[in-house]
Amino acid sequence: MGSMSIWHWLIVLVVVIAVFGTKKLRNVGTDLGAAVKGFKDGIKDGAADGADQPGQPTSQQLAQRKANDPNTVDVDAKTKS
């Protein structure tokens, strides 16, 4: 009695089809599929844009900040030979 057999699931399926109808179930399935596809596309876009996070400046942005900062001293470091 604790486990659901295939016959239990078939009866549940017939009742759901009788209550909602096939057209409404088809629309729900289409909407659910579109939502899952949109979610997957969003995950892919987020992973591709992970390198360009707004919280982490690029090296070019850092160079511009240093050039505009009056307290930054630009020197050439040389090694002793």
PDB file of N, CA and C in Angstrom:
ATOM      1  N   MET A   1       0.823  -1.192   0.000  1.00  0.00           N
ATOM      2  CA  MET A   1       0.000   0.000   0.000  1.00  0.00           C
ATOM      3  C   MET A   1       0.864   1.252   0.000  1.00  0.00           C
ATOM      4  N   GLY A   2       2.095   1.169   0.531  1.00  0.00           N
ATOM      5  CA  GLY A   2       2.961   2.333   0.612  1.00  0.00           C
ATOM      6  C   GLY A   2       3.554   2.740  -0.721  1.00  0.00           C
ATOM      7  N   SER A   3       3.774   1.789  -1.623  1.00  0.00           N
ATOM      8  CA  SER A   3       4.383   2.138  -2.898  1.00  0.00           C
ATOM      9  C   SER A   3       3.309   2.313  -3.964  1.00  0.00           C
ATOM     10  N   MET A   4       3.605   3.179  -4.910  1.00  0.00           N
ATOM     11  CA  MET A   4       2.650   3.447  -5.989  1.00  0.00           C
ATOM     12  C   MET A   4       3.021   2.577  -7.187  1.00  0.00           C
ATOM     13  N   SER A   5       2.104   1.770  -7.632  1.00  0.00           N
ATOM     14  CA  SER A   5       2.357   0.924  -8.790  1.00  0.00           C
ATOM     15  C   SER A   5       1.977   1.686 -10.060  1.00  0.00           C
ATOM     16  N   ILE A   6       2.239   1.077 -11.192  1.00  0.00           N
ATOM     17  CA  ILE A   6       1.924   1.701 -12.475  1.00  0.00           C
ATOM     18  C   ILE A   6       0.417   1.926 -12.613  1.00  0.00           C
ATOM     19  N   TRP A   7      -0.362   1.062 -12.040  1.00  0.00           N
ATOM     20  CA  TRP A   7      -1.826   1.202 -12.134  1.00  0.00           C
ATOM     21  C   TRP A   7      -2.307   2.429 -11.361  1.00  0.00           C
ATOM     22  N   HIS A   8      -1.694   2.699 -10.228  1.00  0.00           N
ATOM     23  CA  HIS A   8      -2.051   3.905  -9.474  1.00  0.00           C
ATOM     24  C   HIS A   8      -1.756   5.161 -10.298  1.00  0.00           C
ATOM     25  N   TRP A   9      -0.573   5.188 -10.930  1.00  0.00           N
ATOM     26  CA  TRP A   9      -0.193   6.348 -11.727  1.00  0.00           C
ATOM     27  C   TRP A   9      -1.095   6.518 -12.944  1.00  0.00           C
ATOM     28  N   LEU A  10      -1.507   5.413 -13.565  1.00  0.00           N
ATOM     29  CA  LEU A  10      -2.417   5.501 -14.714  1.00  0.00           C
ATOM     30  C   LEU A  10      -3.779   6.056 -14.303  1.00  0.00           C
ATOM     31  N   ILE A  11      -4.269   5.652 -13.151  1.00  0.00           N
ATOM     32  CA  ILE A  11      -5.557   6.168 -12.660  1.00  0.00           C
ATOM     33  C   ILE A  11      -5.439   7.664 -12.372  1.00  0.00           C
ATOM     34  N   VAL A  12      -4.336   8.066 -11.756  1.00  0.00           N
ATOM     35  CA  VAL A  12      -4.122   9.485 -11.482  1.00  0.00           C
ATOM     36  C   VAL A  12      -4.058  10.274 -12.792  1.00  0.00           C
ATOM     37  N   LEU A  13      -3.373   9.744 -13.800  1.00  0.00           N
ATOM     38  CA  LEU A  13      -3.271  10.401 -15.097  1.00  0.00           C
ATOM     39  C   LEU A  13      -4.638  10.556 -15.750  1.00  0.00           C
ATOM     40  N   VAL A  14      -5.473   9.521 -15.702  1.00  0.00           N
ATOM     41  CA  VAL A  14      -6.811   9.599 -16.292  1.00  0.00           C
ATOM     42  C   VAL A  14      -7.654  10.644 -15.576  1.00  0.00           C
ATOM     43  N   VAL A  15      -7.557  10.716 -14.267  1.00  0.00           N
ATOM     44  CA  VAL A  15      -8.329  11.707 -13.507  1.00  0.00           C
ATOM     45  C   VAL A  15      -7.861  13.119 -13.847  1.00  0.00           C
ATOM     46  N   VAL A  16      -6.554  13.331 -13.955  1.00  0.00           N
ATOM     47  CA  VAL A  16      -6.028  14.658 -14.282  1.00  0.00           C
ATOM     48  C   VAL A  16      -6.478  15.071 -15.682  1.00  0.00           C
ATOM     49  N   ILE A  17      -6.433  14.155 -16.634  1.00  0.00           N
ATOM     50  CA  ILE A  17      -6.891  14.465 -17.994  1.00  0.00           C
ATOM     51  C   ILE A  17      -8.380  14.772 -18.002  1.00  0.00           C
ATOM     52  N   ALA A  18      -9.161  14.045 -17.219  1.00  0.00           N
ATOM     53  CA  ALA A  18     -10.601  14.287 -17.165  1.00  0.00           C
ATOM     54  C   ALA A  18     -10.905  15.649 -16.548  1.00  0.00           C
ATOM     55  N   VAL A  19     -10.135  16.051 -15.562  1.00  0.00           N
ATOM     56  CA  VAL A  19     -10.400  17.315 -14.879  1.00  0.00           C
ATOM     57  C   VAL A  19      -9.936  18.507 -15.714  1.00  0.00           C
ATOM     58  N   PHE A  20      -8.715  18.464 -16.210  1.00  0.00           N
ATOM     59  CA  PHE A  20      -8.141  19.623 -16.885  1.00  0.00           C
ATOM     60  C   PHE A  20      -8.323  19.609 -18.397  1.00  0.00           C
ATOM     61  N   GLY A  21      -8.379  18.464 -19.011  1.00  0.00           N
ATOM     62  CA  GLY A  21      -8.473  18.382 -20.457  1.00  0.00           C
ATOM     63  C   GLY A  21      -7.092  18.381 -21.095  1.00  0.00           C
ATOM     64  N   THR A  22      -7.009  17.834 -22.279  1.00  0.00           N
ATOM     65  CA  THR A  22      -5.705  17.682 -22.930  1.00  0.00           C
ATOM     66  C   THR A  22      -5.151  19.011 -23.427  1.00  0.00           C
ATOM     67  N   LYS A  23      -6.027  19.925 -23.859  1.00  0.00           N
ATOM     68  CA  LYS A  23      -5.537  21.199 -24.385  1.00  0.00           C
ATOM     69  C   LYS A  23      -4.844  22.013 -23.296  1.00  0.00           C
ATOM     70  N   LYS A  24      -5.434  22.088 -22.122  1.00  0.00           N
ATOM     71  CA  LYS A  24      -4.832  22.843 -21.032  1.00  0.00           C
ATOM     72  C   LYS A  24      -3.531  22.187 -20.582  1.00  0.00           C
ATOM     73  N   LEU A  25      -3.480  20.855 -20.551  1.00  0.00           N
ATOM     74  CA  LEU A  25      -2.250  20.163 -20.173  1.00  0.00           C
ATOM     75  C   LEU A  25      -1.149  20.399 -21.206  1.00  0.00           C
ATOM     76  N   ARG A  26      -1.513  20.464 -22.482  1.00  0.00           N
ATOM     77  CA  ARG A  26      -0.537  20.735 -23.535  1.00  0.00           C
ATOM     78  C   ARG A  26       0.024  22.143 -23.371  1.00  0.00           C
ATOM     79  N   ASN A  27      -0.839  23.095 -23.061  1.00  0.00           N
ATOM     80  CA  ASN A  27      -0.378  24.479 -22.853  1.00  0.00           C
ATOM     81  C   ASN A  27       0.555  24.575 -21.642  1.00  0.00           C
ATOM     82  N   VAL A  28       0.229  23.868 -20.581  1.00  0.00           N
ATOM     83  CA  VAL A  28       1.076  23.876 -19.394  1.00  0.00           C
ATOM     84  C   VAL A  28       2.429  23.263 -19.726  1.00  0.00           C
ATOM     85  N   GLY A  29       2.435  22.173 -20.490  1.00  0.00           N
ATOM     86  CA  GLY A  29       3.690  21.542 -20.884  1.00  0.00           C
ATOM     87  C   GLY A  29       4.545  22.452 -21.752  1.00  0.00           C
ATOM     88  N   THR A  30       3.910  23.163 -22.675  1.00  0.00           N
ATOM     89  CA  THR A  30       4.635  24.098 -23.541  1.00  0.00           C
ATOM     90  C   THR A  30       5.231  25.241 -22.720  1.00  0.00           C
ATOM     91  N   ASP A  31       4.456  25.798 -21.807  1.00  0.00           N
ATOM     92  CA  ASP A  31       4.945  26.885 -20.957  1.00  0.00           C
ATOM     93  C   ASP A  31       6.096  26.417 -20.061  1.00  0.00           C
ATOM     94  N   LEU A  32       5.975  25.222 -19.533  1.00  0.00           N
ATOM     95  CA  LEU A  32       7.023  24.687 -18.674  1.00  0.00           C
ATOM     96  C   LEU A  32       8.305  24.456 -19.471  1.00  0.00           C
ATOM     97  N   GLY A  33       8.174  23.932 -20.676  1.00  0.00           N
ATOM     98  CA  GLY A  33       9.346  23.720 -21.531  1.00  0.00           C
ATOM     99  C   GLY A  33      10.028  25.030 -21.894  1.00  0.00           C
ATOM    100  N   ALA A  34       9.253  26.062 -22.196  1.00  0.00           N
ATOM    101  CA  ALA A  34       9.826  27.365 -22.522  1.00  0.00           C
ATOM    102  C   ALA A  34      10.538  27.966 -21.307  1.00  0.00           C
ATOM    103  N   ALA A  35       9.968  27.765 -20.138  1.00  0.00           N
ATOM    104  CA  ALA A  35      10.598  28.286 -18.920  1.00  0.00           C
ATOM    105  C   ALA A  35      11.930  27.595 -18.656  1.00  0.00           C
ATOM    106  N   VAL A  36      11.981  26.284 -18.839  1.00  0.00           N
ATOM    107  CA  VAL A  36      13.215  25.531 -18.623  1.00  0.00           C
ATOM    108  C   VAL A  36      14.270  25.954 -19.650  1.00  0.00           C
ATOM    109  N   LYS A  37      13.867  26.147 -20.895  1.00  0.00           N
ATOM    110  CA  LYS A  37      14.807  26.573 -21.939  1.00  0.00           C
ATOM    111  C   LYS A  37      15.353  27.963 -21.626  1.00  0.00           C
ATOM    112  N   GLY A  38      14.493  28.872 -21.199  1.00  0.00           N
ATOM    113  CA  GLY A  38      14.941  30.213 -20.832  1.00  0.00           C
ATOM    114  C   GLY A  38      15.898  30.192 -19.653  1.00  0.00           C
ATOM    115  N   PHE A  39      15.635  29.316 -18.695  1.00  0.00           N
ATOM    116  CA  PHE A  39      16.508  29.182 -17.535  1.00  0.00           C
ATOM    117  C   PHE A  39      17.886  28.678 -17.966  1.00  0.00           C
ATOM    118  N   LYS A  40      17.925  27.674 -18.826  1.00  0.00           N
ATOM    119  CA  LYS A  40      19.200  27.132 -19.300  1.00  0.00           C
ATOM    120  C   LYS A  40      19.973  28.178 -20.089  1.00  0.00           C
ATOM    121  N   ASP A  41      19.289  28.955 -20.937  1.00  0.00           N
ATOM    122  CA  ASP A  41      19.951  30.012 -21.695  1.00  0.00           C
ATOM    123  C   ASP A  41      20.518  31.081 -20.755  1.00  0.00           C
ATOM    124  N   GLY A  42      19.775  31.397 -19.713  1.00  0.00           N
ATOM    125  CA  GLY A  42      20.249  32.376 -18.737  1.00  0.00           C
ATOM    126  C   GLY A  42      21.477  31.883 -17.997  1.00  0.00           C
ATOM    127  N   ILE A  43      21.513  30.604 -17.684  1.00  0.00           N
ATOM    128  CA  ILE A  43      22.678  30.030 -17.013  1.00  0.00           C
ATOM    129  C   ILE A  43      23.885  30.078 -17.935  1.00  0.00           C
ATOM    130  N   LYS A  44      23.687  29.755 -19.223  1.00  0.00           N
ATOM    131  CA  LYS A  44      24.796  29.800 -20.183  1.00  0.00           C
ATOM    132  C   LYS A  44      25.325  31.225 -20.322  1.00  0.00           C
ATOM    133  N   ASP A  45      24.431  32.206 -20.422  1.00  0.00           N
ATOM    134  CA  ASP A  45      24.849  33.602 -20.557  1.00  0.00           C
ATOM    135  C   ASP A  45      25.585  34.070 -19.307  1.00  0.00           C
ATOM    136  N   GLY A  46      25.117  33.642 -18.159  1.00  0.00           N
ATOM    137  CA  GLY A  46      25.772  34.022 -16.910  1.00  0.00           C
ATOM    138  C   GLY A  46      27.156  33.419 -16.798  1.00  0.00           C
ATOM    139  N   ALA A  47      27.330  32.193 -17.263  1.00  0.00           N
ATOM    140  CA  ALA A  47      28.642  31.545 -17.210  1.00  0.00           C
ATOM    141  C   ALA A  47      29.594  32.193 -18.212  1.00  0.00           C
ATOM    142  N   ALA A  48      29.087  32.596 -19.360  1.00  0.00           N
ATOM    143  CA  ALA A  48      29.930  33.227 -20.374  1.00  0.00           C
ATOM    144  C   ALA A  48      30.351  34.629 -19.930  1.00  0.00           C
ATOM    145  N   ASP A  49      29.512  35.320 -19.199  1.00  0.00           N
ATOM    146  CA  ASP A  49      29.815  36.671 -18.734  1.00  0.00           C
ATOM    147  C   ASP A  49      30.528  36.666 -17.393  1.00  0.00           C
ATOM    148  N   GLY A  50      30.878  35.511 -16.873  1.00  0.00           N
ATOM    149  CA  GLY A  50      31.516  35.415 -15.563  1.00  0.00           C
ATOM    150  C   GLY A  50      32.856  36.099 -15.503  1.00  0.00           C
ATOM    151  N   ALA A  51      33.570  36.156 -16.618  1.00  0.00           N
ATOM    152  CA  ALA A  51      34.876  36.800 -16.629  1.00  0.00           C
ATOM    153  C   ALA A  51      34.748  38.318 -16.564  1.00  0.00           C
ATOM    154  N   ASP A  52      33.648  38.860 -17.004  1.00  0.00           N
ATOM    155  CA  ASP A  52      33.436  40.307 -17.021  1.00  0.00           C
ATOM    156  C   ASP A  52      32.528  40.742 -15.882  1.00  0.00           C
ATOM    157  N   GLN A  53      32.849  40.333 -14.667  1.00  0.00           N
ATOM    158  CA  GLN A  53      32.032  40.710 -13.527  1.00  0.00           C
ATOM    159  C   GLN A  53      32.223  42.182 -13.234  1.00  0.00           C
ATOM    160  N   PRO A  54      31.161  42.892 -12.900  1.00  0.00           N
ATOM    161  CA  PRO A  54      31.289  44.325 -12.656  1.00  0.00           C
ATOM    162  C   PRO A  54      32.099  44.647 -11.412  1.00  0.00           C
ATOM    163  N   GLY A  55      32.218  43.740 -10.466  1.00  0.00           N
ATOM    164  CA  GLY A  55      32.958  43.996  -9.246  1.00  0.00           C
ATOM    165  C   GLY A  55      34.460  43.903  -9.422  1.00  0.00           C
ATOM    166  N   GLN A  56      34.934  43.288 -10.512  1.00  0.00           N
ATOM    167  CA  GLN A  56      36.358  43.117 -10.726  1.00  0.00           C
ATOM    168  C   GLN A  56      36.784  43.904 -11.961  1.00  0.00           C
ATOM    169  N   PRO A  57      37.573  44.968 -11.757  1.00  0.00           N
ATOM    170  CA  PRO A  57      37.985  45.789 -12.901  1.00  0.00           C
ATOM    171  C   PRO A  57      39.003  45.062 -13.766  1.00  0.00           C
ATOM    172  N   THR A  58      39.022  45.404 -15.035  1.00  0.00           N
ATOM    173  CA  THR A  58      39.981  44.830 -15.963  1.00  0.00           C
ATOM    174  C   THR A  58      41.320  45.533 -15.805  1.00  0.00           C
ATOM    175  N   SER A  59      42.357  44.994 -16.431  1.00  0.00           N
ATOM    176  CA  SER A  59      43.688  45.599 -16.316  1.00  0.00           C
ATOM    177  C   SER A  59      43.726  46.978 -16.963  1.00  0.00           C
ATOM    178  N   GLN A  60      42.953  47.169 -18.027  1.00  0.00           N
ATOM    179  CA  GLN A  60      42.907  48.480 -18.676  1.00  0.00           C
ATOM    180  C   GLN A  60      42.263  49.513 -17.748  1.00  0.00           C
ATOM    181  N   GLN A  61      41.207  49.119 -17.043  1.00  0.00           N
ATOM    182  CA  GLN A  61      40.569  50.037 -16.105  1.00  0.00           C
ATOM    183  C   GLN A  61      41.515  50.385 -14.959  1.00  0.00           C
ATOM    184  N   LEU A  62      42.290  49.412 -14.493  1.00  0.00           N
ATOM    185  CA  LEU A  62      43.252  49.684 -13.427  1.00  0.00           C
ATOM    186  C   LEU A  62      44.336  50.648 -13.891  1.00  0.00           C
ATOM    187  N   ALA A  63      44.800  50.482 -15.126  1.00  0.00           N
ATOM    188  CA  ALA A  63      45.827  51.373 -15.667  1.00  0.00           C
ATOM    189  C   ALA A  63      45.300  52.801 -15.778  1.00  0.00           C
ATOM    190  N   GLN A  64      44.046  52.956 -16.179  1.00  0.00           N
ATOM    191  CA  GLN A  64      43.459  54.289 -16.288  1.00  0.00           C
ATOM    192  C   GLN A  64      43.313  54.931 -14.916  1.00  0.00           C
ATOM    193  N   ARG A  65      42.944  54.144 -13.924  1.00  0.00           N
ATOM    194  CA  ARG A  65      42.811  54.684 -12.574  1.00  0.00           C
ATOM    195  C   ARG A  65      44.160  55.165 -12.051  1.00  0.00           C
ATOM    196  N   LYS A  66      45.217  54.367 -12.302  1.00  0.00           N
ATOM    197  CA  LYS A  66      46.546  54.755 -11.838  1.00  0.00           C
ATOM    198  C   LYS A  66      47.026  56.009 -12.550  1.00  0.00           C
ATOM    199  N   ALA A  67      46.712  56.141 -13.835  1.00  0.00           N
ATOM    200  CA  ALA A  67      47.146  57.313 -14.594  1.00  0.00           C
ATOM    201  C   ALA A  67      46.434  58.569 -14.112  1.00  0.00           C
ATOM    202  N   ASN A  68      45.213  58.451 -13.649  1.00  0.00           N
ATOM    203  CA  ASN A  68      44.433  59.608 -13.207  1.00  0.00           C
ATOM    204  C   ASN A  68      44.657  59.944 -11.734  1.00  0.00           C
ATOM    205  N   ASP A  69      45.320  59.079 -10.985  1.00  0.00           N
ATOM    206  CA  ASP A  69      45.525  59.295  -9.561  1.00  0.00           C
ATOM    207  C   ASP A  69      46.763  60.170  -9.351  1.00  0.00           C
ATOM    208  N   PRO A  70      46.638  61.351  -8.698  1.00  0.00           N
ATOM    209  CA  PRO A  70      47.803  62.229  -8.516  1.00  0.00           C
ATOM    210  C   PRO A  70      48.822  61.674  -7.526  1.00  0.00           C
ATOM    211  N   ASN A  71      48.434  60.699  -6.709  1.00  0.00           N
ATOM    212  CA  ASN A  71      49.351  60.144  -5.714  1.00  0.00           C
ATOM    213  C   ASN A  71      50.187  58.992  -6.257  1.00  0.00           C
ATOM    214  N   THR A  72      49.950  58.591  -7.482  1.00  0.00           N
ATOM    215  CA  THR A  72      50.677  57.471  -8.069  1.00  0.00           C
ATOM    216  C   THR A  72      51.958  57.973  -8.717  1.00  0.00           C
ATOM    217  N   VAL A  73      53.055  57.332  -8.391  1.00  0.00           N
ATOM    218  CA  VAL A  73      54.349  57.680  -8.969  1.00  0.00           C
ATOM    219  C   VAL A  73      54.728  56.571  -9.932  1.00  0.00           C
ATOM    220  N   ASP A  74      55.007  56.936 -11.164  1.00  0.00           N
ATOM    221  CA  ASP A  74      55.371  55.959 -12.175  1.00  0.00           C
ATOM    222  C   ASP A  74      56.893  55.894 -12.269  1.00  0.00           C
ATOM    223  N   VAL A  75      57.430  54.728 -11.969  1.00  0.00           N
ATOM    224  CA  VAL A  75      58.888  54.558 -12.033  1.00  0.00           C
ATOM    225  C   VAL A  75      59.207  53.316 -12.831  1.00  0.00           C
ATOM    226  N   ASP A  76      60.436  53.289 -13.348  1.00  0.00           N
ATOM    227  CA  ASP A  76      60.916  52.099 -14.021  1.00  0.00           C
ATOM    228  C   ASP A  76      61.842  51.378 -13.046  1.00  0.00           C
ATOM    229  N   ALA A  77      61.507  50.189 -12.702  1.00  0.00           N
ATOM    230  CA  ALA A  77      62.348  49.407 -11.790  1.00  0.00           C
ATOM    231  C   ALA A  77      63.445  48.732 -12.607  1.00  0.00           C
ATOM    232  N   LYS A  78      64.664  48.875 -12.127  1.00  0.00           N
ATOM    233  CA  LYS A  78      65.795  48.240 -12.789  1.00  0.00           C
ATOM    234  C   LYS A  78      66.474  47.308 -11.808  1.00  0.00           C
ATOM    235  N   THR A  79      66.981  46.235 -12.332  1.00  0.00           N
ATOM    236  CA  THR A  79      67.678  45.287 -11.472  1.00  0.00           C
ATOM    237  C   THR A  79      69.165  45.589 -11.496  1.00  0.00           C
ATOM    238  N   LYS A  80      69.822  45.332 -10.380  1.00  0.00           N
ATOM    239  CA  LYS A  80      71.271  45.516 -10.310  1.00  0.00           C
ATOM    240  C   LYS A  80      71.952  44.371 -11.028  1.00  0.00           C
ATOM    241  N   SER A  81      72.970  44.694 -11.746  1.00  0.00           N
ATOM    242  CA  SER A  81      73.692  43.627 -12.429  1.00  0.00           C
ATOM    243  C   SER A  81      75.095  43.479 -11.909  1.00  0.00           C
TER     244      SER A  81
END
